[in-house]
Amino acid sequence: MNDPQIIKAIKNSDKAAINYVINKYSRLMWSIAATILKNVGTTEDIEECVADVFVYLWENPSKYHSARGKLKSWLSIVARSRAIDKYRQLSRQITIPLDDKLLTDTLDITNNLLSQETKYTLNAAVKSLAELDREILVRRYYYEQKPGEIAFALGIPVKQVENHLYRTKLKLRELLAN
C-alpha cells in the first residue's frame, strides 16, 4: 500500500489500514518520543505519546497531504510535536518543595561551618524572597539547573531567569549585610 491508499482507507474507517501503519511505524514513533522524553517521562508517557500519534492519524487523516511529503515524515513530525508537548507538561509538573529543612540544607554550602545563627539568618532571608525568586534560586544553586532549563520548566524567558537571579543575589546581599 502506498501513502495515498493508506490515507484513503483510514478515511473510510478501515481498521486494517491503521493497524498496518501502527505495525510499520510504531518503532520509529517510539524512538522519536523516547529521545525527547528520556529524562522526564516514564515508559507509560512514551507509550501514551506514540498512541496519541496514531489516534491523531485515525481522527484526522485529511491533515496529511501526500504532495508535502511521505506519511512517515508527517507521522515523525506529529510524534515530535506530541513528545515536546508532553515534555513541557511533565516539566511543569515537577515541583520543588521549599520547606525549612531543604532551604537549610540547600544553603549549607560550607558543610556545617556556618553557625546556627548564620543559618537562621540566611534561611530567613531566603524565605523573605518572593516565591518565584526562591524557586529560581533553589533550582539554580541546589539542583544546579542551568538558566535555560529553569526557564523552560517555569515557562519564562531565559533572560528573565538571569535577571531574577541577579536581583535575588543583590537582595540577599543587602538582607545579610544588615
Foldseek 3Di string as FASTA:
>chain_A
DFQVVLLVCLVVVNPVSLVVVCVVCVVVLLVLLCVLCVVQDDPVLSVVLSVVLSVCCSVCVVVDDVVVHGPNVVSSVSSNVSSVVSVLVRLLPDDDDDDQVLQLVQPPVVVPPDDPVLSVQLSVLLVVDDPVLNRLVCCCRVVVDQLVSVCSSVVHDSVVSVVSPVVSVVSSVVSVVD
